[in-house]
C-alpha atoms as a PDB file:
ATOM      1  CA  MET A   1     -30.104   7.325  14.936  1.00  0.00           C
ATOM      2  CA  THR A   2     -29.963   4.836  17.679  1.00  0.00           C
ATOM      3  CA  LEU A   3     -31.911   1.480  17.213  1.00  0.00           C
ATOM      4  CA  THR A   4     -34.137   2.281  19.566  1.00  0.00           C
ATOM      5  CA  THR A   5     -35.419   5.312  17.156  1.00  0.00           C
ATOM      6  CA  LEU A   6     -35.718   2.584  14.530  1.00  0.00           C
ATOM      7  CA  ALA A   7     -37.525   0.354  16.596  1.00  0.00           C
ATOM      8  CA  VAL A   8     -40.143   3.401  17.656  1.00  0.00           C
ATOM      9  CA  SER A   9     -40.169   4.540  14.289  1.00  0.00           C
ATOM     10  CA  ASP A  10     -40.704   1.044  11.900  1.00  0.00           C
ATOM     11  CA  PRO A  11     -44.191   1.541  10.914  1.00  0.00           C
ATOM     12  CA  ARG A  12     -44.849  -2.371  10.690  1.00  0.00           C
ATOM     13  CA  ARG A  13     -43.738  -3.434  14.211  1.00  0.00           C
ATOM     14  CA  GLU A  14     -45.866  -0.515  15.690  1.00  0.00           C
ATOM     15  CA  ARG A  15     -48.733  -1.485  13.205  1.00  0.00           C
ATOM     16  CA  LEU A  16     -48.350  -5.249  14.569  1.00  0.00           C
ATOM     17  CA  ALA A  17     -48.066  -4.251  17.994  1.00  0.00           C
ATOM     18  CA  ALA A  18     -51.429  -2.273  17.892  1.00  0.00           C
ATOM     19  CA  LEU A  19     -52.569  -5.334  16.545  1.00  0.00           C
ATOM     20  CA  GLY A  20     -51.720  -7.500  19.306  1.00  0.00           C
ATOM     21  CA  ARG A  21     -52.874  -5.041  21.824  1.00  0.00           C
ATOM     22  CA  ARG A  22     -56.238  -5.117  19.891  1.00  0.00           C
ATOM     23  CA  ALA A  23     -56.689  -9.136  20.223  1.00  0.00           C
ATOM     24  CA  ALA A  24     -55.922  -9.146  23.817  1.00  0.00           C
ATOM     25  CA  ILE A  25     -58.551  -6.616  24.447  1.00  0.00           C
ATOM     26  CA  ARG A  26     -60.968  -8.619  22.015  1.00  0.00           C
ATOM     27  CA  LEU A  27     -59.955 -11.860  23.604  1.00  0.00           C
ATOM     28  CA  ALA A  28     -60.632 -10.487  27.516  1.00  0.00           C
ATOM     29  CA  GLY A  29     -63.567  -9.639  25.968  1.00  0.00           C
ATOM     30  CA  GLY A  30     -64.510 -13.153  24.629  1.00  0.00           C
ATOM     31  CA  VAL A  31     -63.937 -14.576  27.778  1.00  0.00           C
ATOM     32  CA  LEU A  32     -66.651 -12.868  29.617  1.00  0.00           C
ATOM     33  CA  VAL A  33     -69.035 -13.340  26.925  1.00  0.00           C
ATOM     34  CA  LEU A  34     -68.004 -17.219  27.413  1.00  0.00           C
ATOM     35  CA  TRP A  35     -68.664 -16.927  30.920  1.00  0.00           C
ATOM     36  CA  ALA A  36     -72.537 -15.226  30.279  1.00  0.00           C
ATOM     37  CA  VAL A  37     -72.858 -18.100  27.626  1.00  0.00           C
ATOM     38  CA  ALA A  38     -72.286 -20.863  29.823  1.00  0.00           C
ATOM     39  CA  THR A  39     -73.878 -19.038  32.882  1.00  0.00           C
ATOM     40  CA  LEU A  40     -77.292 -18.308  30.646  1.00  0.00           C
ATOM     41  CA  THR A  41     -77.509 -21.674  29.298  1.00  0.00           C
ATOM     42  CA  PHE A  42     -76.949 -23.593  32.770  1.00  0.00           C
ATOM     43  CA  PHE A  43     -79.939 -21.767  34.629  1.00  0.00           C
ATOM     44  CA  ALA A  44     -81.892 -21.621  31.456  1.00  0.00           C
ATOM     45  CA  LEU A  45     -81.891 -25.619  30.945  1.00  0.00           C
ATOM     46  CA  ARG A  46     -82.051 -26.111  34.817  1.00  0.00           C
ATOM     47  CA  LEU A  47     -85.694 -24.066  34.584  1.00  0.00           C
ATOM     48  CA  MET A  48     -87.171 -26.356  31.592  1.00  0.00           C
ATOM     49  CA  PRO A  49     -89.865 -28.465  32.552  1.00  0.00           C
ATOM     50  CA  GLY A  50     -89.012 -31.834  32.945  1.00  0.00           C
ATOM     51  CA  ASP A  51     -86.414 -34.381  34.790  1.00  0.00           C
ATOM     52  CA  PRO A  52     -83.178 -34.777  33.507  1.00  0.00           C
ATOM     53  CA  VAL A  53     -82.586 -37.769  35.466  1.00  0.00           C
ATOM     54  CA  LEU A  54     -85.222 -39.183  33.253  1.00  0.00           C
ATOM     55  CA  ALA A  55     -83.207 -38.501  30.181  1.00  0.00           C
ATOM     56  CA  ILE A  56     -80.047 -40.004  31.662  1.00  0.00           C
ATOM     57  CA  LEU A  57     -82.019 -43.280  32.410  1.00  0.00           C
ATOM     58  CA  GLY A  58     -83.200 -43.720  29.189  1.00  0.00           C
ATOM     59  CA  GLY A  59     -86.262 -41.130  29.503  1.00  0.00           C
ATOM     60  CA  THR A  60     -89.989 -42.096  30.687  1.00  0.00           C
ATOM     61  CA  THR A  61     -90.415 -45.170  28.706  1.00  0.00           C
ATOM     62  CA  GLY A  62     -87.484 -46.687  30.503  1.00  0.00           C
ATOM     63  CA  ASN A  63     -89.657 -46.735  33.364  1.00  0.00           C
ATOM     64  CA  PRO A  64     -86.797 -46.598  35.952  1.00  0.00           C
ATOM     65  CA  SER A  65     -87.172 -47.244  39.883  1.00  0.00           C
ATOM     66  CA  PRO A  66     -86.699 -44.593  42.454  1.00  0.00           C
ATOM     67  CA  GLU A  67     -84.204 -46.204  43.477  1.00  0.00           C
ATOM     68  CA  ALA A  68     -82.415 -45.832  40.454  1.00  0.00           C
ATOM     69  CA  ILE A  69     -83.283 -42.325  39.895  1.00  0.00           C
ATOM     70  CA  GLU A  70     -81.927 -40.839  43.415  1.00  0.00           C
ATOM     71  CA  ALA A  71     -78.413 -43.062  42.587  1.00  0.00           C
ATOM     72  CA  ALA A  72     -78.163 -41.139  38.962  1.00  0.00           C
ATOM     73  CA  ARG A  73     -78.903 -37.986  41.122  1.00  0.00           C
ATOM     74  CA  GLN A  74     -75.925 -38.613  43.414  1.00  0.00           C
ATOM     75  CA  GLU A  75     -73.775 -39.422  40.316  1.00  0.00           C
ATOM     76  CA  PHE A  76     -74.507 -36.701  38.718  1.00  0.00           C
ATOM     77  CA  GLY A  77     -74.711 -34.236  41.600  1.00  0.00           C
ATOM     78  CA  LEU A  78     -78.025 -33.350  40.877  1.00  0.00           C
ATOM     79  CA  ASP A  79     -79.004 -33.801  44.456  1.00  0.00           C
ATOM     80  CA  LYS A  80     -76.798 -30.562  45.273  1.00  0.00           C
ATOM     81  CA  PRO A  81     -78.546 -27.140  45.586  1.00  0.00           C
ATOM     82  CA  LEU A  82     -78.399 -25.335  42.304  1.00  0.00           C
ATOM     83  CA  PRO A  83     -75.400 -23.051  43.274  1.00  0.00           C
ATOM     84  CA  VAL A  84     -73.548 -25.721  44.409  1.00  0.00           C
ATOM     85  CA  GLN A  85     -74.065 -27.433  41.041  1.00  0.00           C
ATOM     86  CA  TYR A  86     -73.168 -24.093  39.275  1.00  0.00           C
ATOM     87  CA  VAL A  87     -69.643 -24.090  40.969  1.00  0.00           C
ATOM     88  CA  LEU A  88     -68.746 -27.433  40.206  1.00  0.00           C
ATOM     89  CA  TYR A  89     -69.627 -26.943  36.691  1.00  0.00           C
ATOM     90  CA  LEU A  90     -67.744 -24.008  36.323  1.00  0.00           C
ATOM     91  CA  GLY A  91     -65.139 -25.836  38.270  1.00  0.00           C
ATOM     92  CA  ARG A  92     -65.188 -28.451  35.558  1.00  0.00           C
ATOM     93  CA  LEU A  93     -65.650 -25.968  32.702  1.00  0.00           C
ATOM     94  CA  LEU A  94     -62.044 -24.174  33.716  1.00  0.00           C
ATOM     95  CA  HIS A  95     -60.169 -28.193  33.749  1.00  0.00           C
ATOM     96  CA  GLY A  96     -61.816 -28.816  30.082  1.00  0.00           C
ATOM     97  CA  ASP A  97     -64.229 -31.268  31.481  1.00  0.00           C
ATOM     98  CA  LEU A  98     -67.697 -30.910  29.698  1.00  0.00           C
ATOM     99  CA  GLY A  99     -69.231 -33.720  31.375  1.00  0.00           C
ATOM    100  CA  MET A 100     -70.855 -36.779  29.990  1.00  0.00           C
ATOM    101  CA  SER A 101     -73.853 -36.789  27.580  1.00  0.00           C
ATOM    102  CA  TYR A 102     -76.762 -38.030  28.974  1.00  0.00           C
ATOM    103  CA  SER A 103     -77.990 -39.287  25.583  1.00  0.00           C
ATOM    104  CA  GLN A 104     -75.195 -41.193  24.405  1.00  0.00           C
ATOM    105  CA  HIS A 105     -73.104 -41.853  27.676  1.00  0.00           C
ATOM    106  CA  LEU A 106     -69.809 -40.521  25.855  1.00  0.00           C
ATOM    107  CA  PRO A 107     -67.770 -37.706  27.183  1.00  0.00           C
ATOM    108  CA  VAL A 108     -69.104 -34.236  25.705  1.00  0.00           C
ATOM    109  CA  THR A 109     -65.608 -33.695  24.050  1.00  0.00           C
ATOM    110  CA  ARG A 110     -65.608 -36.760  22.070  1.00  0.00           C
ATOM    111  CA  VAL A 111     -69.249 -36.352  20.422  1.00  0.00           C
ATOM    112  CA  LEU A 112     -67.778 -32.591  19.774  1.00  0.00           C
ATOM    113  CA  ALA A 113     -64.785 -33.760  18.148  1.00  0.00           C
ATOM    114  CA  GLU A 114     -66.767 -36.592  16.044  1.00  0.00           C
ATOM    115  CA  GLN A 115     -69.304 -34.050  15.032  1.00  0.00           C
ATOM    116  CA  GLY A 116     -67.430 -30.773  14.798  1.00  0.00           C
ATOM    117  CA  GLY A 117     -65.870 -31.554  11.595  1.00  0.00           C
ATOM    118  CA  ALA A 118     -68.706 -31.721   9.578  1.00  0.00           C
ATOM    119  CA  THR A 119     -70.295 -28.807  10.702  1.00  0.00           C
ATOM    120  CA  LEU A 120     -67.014 -26.677  10.336  1.00  0.00           C
ATOM    121  CA  GLU A 121     -66.620 -28.188   6.400  1.00  0.00           C
ATOM    122  CA  LEU A 122     -70.357 -26.949   5.890  1.00  0.00           C
ATOM    123  CA  THR A 123     -69.632 -23.441   7.081  1.00  0.00           C
ATOM    124  CA  VAL A 124     -66.407 -22.780   5.765  1.00  0.00           C
ATOM    125  CA  ALA A 125     -67.797 -23.963   2.580  1.00  0.00           C
ATOM    126  CA  ALA A 126     -70.668 -21.572   2.785  1.00  0.00           C
ATOM    127  CA  LEU A 127     -68.546 -18.660   3.683  1.00  0.00           C
ATOM    128  CA  VAL A 128     -66.268 -19.624   0.781  1.00  0.00           C
ATOM    129  CA  LEU A 129     -69.095 -20.022  -2.105  1.00  0.00           C
ATOM    130  CA  ALA A 130     -71.373 -17.068  -0.477  1.00  0.00           C
ATOM    131  CA  TRP A 131     -68.120 -14.316  -1.326  1.00  0.00           C
ATOM    132  CA  LEU A 132     -67.602 -16.433  -4.635  1.00  0.00           C
ATOM    133  CA  LEU A 133     -71.171 -15.683  -5.678  1.00  0.00           C
ATOM    134  CA  VAL A 134     -70.752 -11.888  -3.997  1.00  0.00           C
ATOM    135  CA  LEU A 135     -67.560 -11.016  -6.257  1.00  0.00           C
ATOM    136  CA  LEU A 136     -69.310 -12.793  -9.029  1.00  0.00           C
ATOM    137  CA  LEU A 137     -71.811 -10.603  -9.119  1.00  0.00           C
ATOM    138  CA  THR A 138     -70.600  -6.972  -7.484  1.00  0.00           C
ATOM    139  CA  VAL A 139     -67.534  -6.976  -9.801  1.00  0.00           C
ATOM    140  CA  ILE A 140     -69.424  -7.422 -12.815  1.00  0.00           C
ATOM    141  CA  THR A 141     -72.212  -5.518 -12.150  1.00  0.00           C
ATOM    142  CA  ALA A 142     -71.383  -2.122 -10.324  1.00  0.00           C
ATOM    143  CA  GLY A 143     -71.267   0.433 -12.239  1.00  0.00           C
ATOM    144  CA  ARG A 144     -72.850  -0.925 -15.338  1.00  0.00           C
ATOM    145  CA  GLY A 145     -75.922   1.607 -15.428  1.00  0.00           C
ATOM    146  CA  ARG A 146     -79.626   1.579 -13.701  1.00  0.00           C
ATOM    147  CA  LEU A 147     -81.149  -1.196 -15.910  1.00  0.00           C
ATOM    148  CA  ILE A 148     -78.418  -3.728 -14.902  1.00  0.00           C
ATOM    149  CA  GLY A 149     -77.693  -2.609 -11.454  1.00  0.00           C
ATOM    150  CA  GLY A 150     -81.338  -2.252 -10.709  1.00  0.00           C
ATOM    151  CA  ALA A 151     -81.650  -5.897 -11.711  1.00  0.00           C
ATOM    152  CA  ALA A 152     -78.743  -6.916  -9.761  1.00  0.00           C
ATOM    153  CA  SER A 153     -80.016  -5.332  -6.518  1.00  0.00           C
ATOM    154  CA  LEU A 154     -83.396  -6.941  -7.072  1.00  0.00           C
ATOM    155  CA  LEU A 155     -81.778 -10.286  -7.066  1.00  0.00           C
ATOM    156  CA  GLU A 156     -79.632  -9.693  -4.328  1.00  0.00           C
ATOM    157  CA  THR A 157     -82.656  -8.542  -2.167  1.00  0.00           C
ATOM    158  CA  LEU A 158     -84.686 -11.781  -3.007  1.00  0.00           C
ATOM    159  CA  SER A 159     -81.708 -13.957  -2.000  1.00  0.00           C
ATOM    160  CA  ALA A 160     -81.413 -12.543   1.303  1.00  0.00           C
ATOM    161  CA  ALA A 161     -85.037 -12.768   1.984  1.00  0.00           C
ATOM    162  CA  LEU A 162     -84.867 -16.498   1.241  1.00  0.00           C
ATOM    163  CA  PRO A 163     -85.145 -18.896   4.636  1.00  0.00           C
ATOM    164  CA  HIS A 164     -82.596 -21.439   4.562  1.00  0.00           C
ATOM    165  CA  PHE A 165     -85.127 -24.150   5.368  1.00  0.00           C
ATOM    166  CA  TRP A 166     -87.326 -23.159   2.427  1.00  0.00           C
ATOM    167  CA  LEU A 167     -84.502 -22.893  -0.050  1.00  0.00           C
ATOM    168  CA  GLY A 168     -82.913 -26.000   1.406  1.00  0.00           C
ATOM    169  CA  VAL A 169     -86.180 -28.053   0.445  1.00  0.00           C
ATOM    170  CA  VAL A 170     -86.608 -26.277  -3.008  1.00  0.00           C
ATOM    171  CA  LEU A 171     -83.069 -27.819  -3.720  1.00  0.00           C
ATOM    172  CA  LEU A 172     -83.840 -31.071  -2.612  1.00  0.00           C
ATOM    173  CA  ALA A 173     -86.545 -31.548  -4.669  1.00  0.00           C
ATOM    174  CA  VAL A 174     -85.068 -30.026  -7.986  1.00  0.00           C
ATOM    175  CA  PHE A 175     -81.509 -31.517  -7.937  1.00  0.00           C
ATOM    176  CA  ALA A 176     -81.937 -34.303  -5.780  1.00  0.00           C
ATOM    177  CA  PHE A 177     -85.115 -35.843  -6.083  1.00  0.00           C
ATOM    178  CA  GLY A 178     -86.160 -34.356  -9.668  1.00  0.00           C
ATOM    179  CA  LEU A 179     -82.663 -34.064 -11.541  1.00  0.00           C
ATOM    180  CA  ARG A 180     -80.850 -36.621  -9.000  1.00  0.00           C
ATOM    181  CA  TRP A 181     -77.690 -34.796  -9.829  1.00  0.00           C
ATOM    182  CA  PHE A 182     -76.347 -35.070  -5.661  1.00  0.00           C
ATOM    183  CA  PRO A 183     -77.604 -37.068  -3.123  1.00  0.00           C
ATOM    184  CA  PRO A 184     -80.185 -35.974  -0.669  1.00  0.00           C
ATOM    185  CA  ALA A 185     -78.531 -37.071   2.501  1.00  0.00           C
ATOM    186  CA  GLY A 186     -75.369 -37.738   4.129  1.00  0.00           C
ATOM    187  CA  SER A 187     -72.174 -35.753   4.693  1.00  0.00           C
ATOM    188  CA  ASP A 188     -69.211 -38.556   3.424  1.00  0.00           C
ATOM    189  CA  SER A 189     -69.053 -37.034   0.084  1.00  0.00           C
ATOM    190  CA  LEU A 190     -68.389 -33.796  -1.831  1.00  0.00           C
ATOM    191  CA  ALA A 191     -71.408 -34.339  -4.037  1.00  0.00           C
ATOM    192  CA  SER A 192     -73.277 -34.116  -0.491  1.00  0.00           C
ATOM    193  CA  LEU A 193     -71.914 -30.782   0.443  1.00  0.00           C
ATOM    194  CA  VAL A 194     -73.085 -29.059  -2.115  1.00  0.00           C
ATOM    195  CA  LEU A 195     -76.838 -28.419  -1.817  1.00  0.00           C
ATOM    196  CA  PRO A 196     -76.563 -27.653   1.801  1.00  0.00           C
ATOM    197  CA  ALA A 197     -73.736 -25.115   1.189  1.00  0.00           C
ATOM    198  CA  PHE A 198     -75.583 -23.738  -1.308  1.00  0.00           C
ATOM    199  CA  SER A 199     -78.558 -23.391   0.899  1.00  0.00           C
ATOM    200  CA  LEU A 200     -76.739 -21.571   3.230  1.00  0.00           C
ATOM    201  CA  ALA A 201     -74.595 -19.488   0.986  1.00  0.00           C
ATOM    202  CA  ILE A 202     -77.139 -17.985  -1.227  1.00  0.00           C
ATOM    203  CA  PRO A 203     -79.096 -15.724   1.423  1.00  0.00           C
ATOM    204  CA  LEU A 204     -75.845 -14.705   2.968  1.00  0.00           C
ATOM    205  CA  ALA A 205     -74.613 -13.425  -0.478  1.00  0.00           C
ATOM    206  CA  GLY A 206     -77.263 -11.463  -1.205  1.00  0.00           C
ATOM    207  CA  PHE A 207     -76.786  -9.615   2.390  1.00  0.00           C
ATOM    208  CA  ILE A 208     -73.579  -9.149   1.664  1.00  0.00           C
ATOM    209  CA  ALA A 209     -73.627  -8.264  -1.624  1.00  0.00           C
ATOM    210  CA  GLN A 210     -76.085  -5.673  -0.918  1.00  0.00           C
ATOM    211  CA  VAL A 211     -73.551  -3.913   1.010  1.00  0.00           C
ATOM    212  CA  THR A 212     -70.527  -4.410  -1.113  1.00  0.00           C
ATOM    213  CA  ARG A 213     -72.520  -3.052  -4.432  1.00  0.00           C
ATOM    214  CA  GLU A 214     -73.007   0.263  -2.781  1.00  0.00           C
ATOM    215  CA  SER A 215     -69.640   0.345  -1.342  1.00  0.00           C
ATOM    216  CA  LEU A 216     -68.071  -0.894  -4.819  1.00  0.00           C
ATOM    217  CA  GLU A 217     -70.100   2.241  -6.605  1.00  0.00           C
ATOM    218  CA  LEU A 218     -68.562   4.775  -4.349  1.00  0.00           C
ATOM    219  CA  THR A 219     -65.296   3.368  -4.910  1.00  0.00           C
ATOM    220  CA  LEU A 220     -65.255   3.520  -8.233  1.00  0.00           C
ATOM    221  CA  ASP A 221     -66.164   7.285  -8.479  1.00  0.00           C
ATOM    222  CA  GLN A 222     -62.962   7.967  -6.367  1.00  0.00           C
ATOM    223  CA  PRO A 223     -59.787   9.891  -8.228  1.00  0.00           C
ATOM    224  CA  PHE A 224     -57.410   7.119  -7.521  1.00  0.00           C
ATOM    225  CA  VAL A 225     -59.770   5.014  -9.923  1.00  0.00           C
ATOM    226  CA  LEU A 226     -59.815   7.881 -12.246  1.00  0.00           C
ATOM    227  CA  THR A 227     -55.966   8.044 -12.042  1.00  0.00           C
ATOM    228  CA  ALA A 228     -55.863   4.008 -12.552  1.00  0.00           C
ATOM    229  CA  ARG A 229     -57.986   3.943 -15.558  1.00  0.00           C
ATOM    230  CA  THR A 230     -55.658   7.113 -17.265  1.00  0.00           C
ATOM    231  CA  ARG A 231     -52.799   4.817 -16.727  1.00  0.00           C
ATOM    232  CA  GLY A 232     -54.262   2.150 -19.571  1.00  0.00           C
ATOM    233  CA  LEU A 233     -55.518  -0.087 -17.344  1.00  0.00           C
ATOM    234  CA  SER A 234     -58.376  -2.278 -18.115  1.00  0.00           C
ATOM    235  CA  ASP A 235     -61.830  -2.143 -16.537  1.00  0.00           C
ATOM    236  CA  LEU A 236     -61.656  -5.384 -14.859  1.00  0.00           C
ATOM    237  CA  ALA A 237     -57.964  -4.756 -13.555  1.00  0.00           C
ATOM    238  CA  VAL A 238     -59.086  -1.473 -11.951  1.00  0.00           C
ATOM    239  CA  ARG A 239     -61.807  -3.247  -9.994  1.00  0.00           C
ATOM    240  CA  PHE A 240     -59.909  -6.237  -9.136  1.00  0.00           C
ATOM    241  CA  ARG A 241     -56.390  -4.455  -8.081  1.00  0.00           C
ATOM    242  CA  HIS A 242     -57.765  -0.909  -7.096  1.00  0.00           C
ATOM    243  CA  ALA A 243     -61.204  -0.862  -6.227  1.00  0.00           C
ATOM    244  CA  LEU A 244     -62.130  -3.844  -4.417  1.00  0.00           C
ATOM    245  CA  ARG A 245     -60.034  -4.058  -1.747  1.00  0.00           C
ATOM    246  CA  HIS A 246     -61.786  -0.680  -0.389  1.00  0.00           C
ATOM    247  CA  ALA A 247     -65.184  -1.910  -1.204  1.00  0.00           C
ATOM    248  CA  LEU A 248     -64.764  -5.450   0.410  1.00  0.00           C
ATOM    249  CA  LEU A 249     -64.334  -3.148   4.057  1.00  0.00           C
ATOM    250  CA  PRO A 250     -67.872  -3.224   4.804  1.00  0.00           C
ATOM    251  CA  GLY A 251     -68.220  -7.062   3.629  1.00  0.00           C
ATOM    252  CA  VAL A 252     -65.357  -7.935   5.652  1.00  0.00           C
ATOM    253  CA  ALA A 253     -66.782  -6.591   8.699  1.00  0.00           C
ATOM    254  CA  LEU A 254     -70.148  -8.095   8.393  1.00  0.00           C
ATOM    255  CA  SER A 255     -68.160 -11.857   8.079  1.00  0.00           C
ATOM    256  CA  GLY A 256     -68.195 -12.194  11.576  1.00  0.00           C
ATOM    257  CA  TRP A 257     -71.642 -11.949  12.175  1.00  0.00           C
ATOM    258  CA  ALA A 258     -72.102 -14.273   9.291  1.00  0.00           C
ATOM    259  CA  ILE A 259     -70.160 -17.098  10.813  1.00  0.00           C
ATOM    260  CA  GLY A 260     -73.133 -16.933  13.734  1.00  0.00           C
ATOM    261  CA  ALA A 261     -75.636 -16.664  10.883  1.00  0.00           C
ATOM    262  CA  LEU A 262     -74.218 -19.964   9.133  1.00  0.00           C
ATOM    263  CA  ILE A 263     -73.666 -21.589  12.113  1.00  0.00           C
ATOM    264  CA  SER A 264     -77.542 -21.518  13.480  1.00  0.00           C
ATOM    265  CA  GLY A 265     -78.524 -21.908   9.708  1.00  0.00           C
ATOM    266  CA  ALA A 266     -76.762 -25.102  10.171  1.00  0.00           C
ATOM    267  CA  VAL A 267     -78.966 -26.558  12.395  1.00  0.00           C
ATOM    268  CA  VAL A 268     -81.830 -26.273  10.081  1.00  0.00           C
ATOM    269  CA  CYS A 269     -79.335 -27.585   7.067  1.00  0.00           C
ATOM    270  CA  GLU A 270     -77.863 -30.781   9.077  1.00  0.00           C
ATOM    271  CA  VAL A 271     -81.299 -31.723  10.029  1.00  0.00           C
ATOM    272  CA  ILE A 272     -83.087 -31.662   6.384  1.00  0.00           C
ATOM    273  CA  PHE A 273     -80.208 -33.359   4.630  1.00  0.00           C
ATOM    274  CA  SER A 274     -79.584 -35.617   7.349  1.00  0.00           C
ATOM    275  CA  ARG A 275     -75.576 -34.622   7.718  1.00  0.00           C
ATOM    276  CA  LYS A 276     -73.539 -35.149  10.598  1.00  0.00           C
ATOM    277  CA  GLY A 277     -72.565 -31.911  12.896  1.00  0.00           C
ATOM    278  CA  ILE A 278     -73.233 -30.195  16.000  1.00  0.00           C
ATOM    279  CA  GLY A 279     -76.215 -28.793  14.358  1.00  0.00           C
ATOM    280  CA  ARG A 280     -77.928 -31.863  14.456  1.00  0.00           C
ATOM    281  CA  GLN A 281     -76.550 -33.107  17.670  1.00  0.00           C
ATOM    282  CA  LEU A 282     -77.764 -29.473  19.241  1.00  0.00           C
ATOM    283  CA  TYR A 283     -81.161 -30.466  17.865  1.00  0.00           C
ATOM    284  CA  GLN A 284     -81.677 -34.092  18.966  1.00  0.00           C
ATOM    285  CA  ALA A 285     -79.723 -32.912  22.210  1.00  0.00           C
ATOM    286  CA  VAL A 286     -82.640 -30.237  23.150  1.00  0.00           C
ATOM    287  CA  GLN A 287     -85.248 -33.017  22.521  1.00  0.00           C
ATOM    288  CA  LEU A 288     -83.942 -35.350  24.957  1.00  0.00           C
ATOM    289  CA  GLN A 289     -82.863 -32.846  27.481  1.00  0.00           C
ATOM    290  CA  ASP A 290     -79.128 -33.865  27.651  1.00  0.00           C
ATOM    291  CA  LEU A 291     -77.870 -30.646  29.604  1.00  0.00           C
ATOM    292  CA  PRO A 292     -74.305 -31.209  29.192  1.00  0.00           C
ATOM    293  CA  LEU A 293     -74.352 -31.701  25.484  1.00  0.00           C
ATOM    294  CA  VAL A 294     -76.285 -28.722  24.927  1.00  0.00           C
ATOM    295  CA  ILE A 295     -74.398 -26.491  27.267  1.00  0.00           C
ATOM    296  CA  GLY A 296     -71.332 -28.124  25.213  1.00  0.00           C
ATOM    297  CA  ILE A 297     -72.630 -27.277  22.032  1.00  0.00           C
ATOM    298  CA  SER A 298     -73.172 -23.795  23.063  1.00  0.00           C
ATOM    299  CA  LEU A 299     -69.973 -23.126  24.496  1.00  0.00           C
ATOM    300  CA  VAL A 300     -68.084 -24.281  21.333  1.00  0.00           C
ATOM    301  CA  VAL A 301     -70.366 -22.450  19.236  1.00  0.00           C
ATOM    302  CA  ALA A 302     -70.001 -19.045  20.987  1.00  0.00           C
ATOM    303  CA  ALA A 303     -66.210 -19.766  20.973  1.00  0.00           C
ATOM    304  CA  GLY A 304     -66.382 -20.208  17.361  1.00  0.00           C
ATOM    305  CA  TYR A 305     -68.511 -16.729  17.018  1.00  0.00           C
ATOM    306  CA  VAL A 306     -65.946 -14.703  19.204  1.00  0.00           C
ATOM    307  CA  LEU A 307     -62.725 -16.503  17.408  1.00  0.00           C
ATOM    308  CA  ALA A 308     -64.034 -15.207  13.932  1.00  0.00           C
ATOM    309  CA  ASN A 309     -65.184 -12.131  14.929  1.00  0.00           C
ATOM    310  CA  ILE A 310     -61.599 -11.610  16.569  1.00  0.00           C
ATOM    311  CA  LEU A 311     -60.130 -12.757  13.050  1.00  0.00           C
ATOM    312  CA  VAL A 312     -62.853 -10.820  11.259  1.00  0.00           C
ATOM    313  CA  ASP A 313     -61.470  -7.563  13.352  1.00  0.00           C
ATOM    314  CA  LEU A 314     -58.051  -7.877  12.892  1.00  0.00           C
ATOM    315  CA  LEU A 315     -58.305  -8.373   8.970  1.00  0.00           C
ATOM    316  CA  TYR A 316     -60.288  -5.257   8.973  1.00  0.00           C
ATOM    317  CA  GLN A 317     -57.710  -3.414  10.548  1.00  0.00           C
ATOM    318  CA  TRP A 318     -54.718  -5.109   8.648  1.00  0.00           C
ATOM    319  CA  ILE A 319     -56.952  -3.960   5.465  1.00  0.00           C
ATOM    320  CA  ASP A 320     -57.586  -0.693   6.546  1.00  0.00           C
ATOM    321  CA  PRO A 321     -54.580   0.913   8.383  1.00  0.00           C
ATOM    322  CA  ARG A 322     -56.499   4.243   9.085  1.00  0.00           C
ATOM    323  CA  GLN A 323     -58.741   2.153  11.569  1.00  0.00           C
ATOM    324  CA  GLN A 324     -55.512   1.598  13.498  1.00  0.00           C
ATOM    325  CA  GLU A 325     -54.787   5.406  13.586  1.00  0.00           C
ATOM    326  CA  ALA A 326     -58.390   6.217  14.713  1.00  0.00           C
ATOM    327  CA  ALA A 327     -58.193   4.066  17.496  1.00  0.00           C
ATOM    328  CA  ALA A 328     -54.925   5.345  18.687  1.00  0.00           C
END
């Protein structure tokens, strides 16, 4: 048998090659998505009422002179036709230039670098916390009888229906102002992360747990689970070592969507809990008509969403190799 034959017949190498091809296709699609987001955001903001030049010069209360307004239009290229502005804007994006923030008079990349870490911290904490709640609830209660399963399912449904802003206000009232266990605002300590992370994680955990529970209950009825039980394994060992890997697939598939939901929910949570982050910056930038900052944040959020979906898709393929065989 030649080395060429060994290379071709190596399942691990074939699997990695299939994952690489899929990642390349998804990345190409992600570039198109980013271009569409950049284009739609650019034209949507240009069609908003109001003059962005006034935002550059300090708003309507600044009372700028006509000469200052005209100078600002020329400096930022707003005196050119809209198609020309769009082409120049795409050219700057290709060079990694997101422009200057009108309201903060700082490069957009610097604002994103300073604020993005807090949003990433909140998003990751909420996602990890949501999955811990999902595993705790589903593994313990799935397949335990109609009464326990019905109660757990009701709890999941109620959790999934909770709005982020309402839950955030309730958590503030109870645990910050009432019990005084956690600070009501800020983003400089681990304690200040707990309440906003829970306000994002609880609704997400309820949604993911609904599909994970159904999948786990179906998996527990499969023959390979019965075989594992006959080998003398404990119930928890069977659930964690054999059934859980197959039951997690629907939840893993939803995790890519969950990243987008968490980032959008972070806008509300960062305002309620007075946290640093790009969500709060986006809220303020829209109010101030800070076009470069709004576009920059939109692109970063879209890029994070695309990257998360690519990673989740590859993880799904890796967990369940049958998906690669079906794609082939």
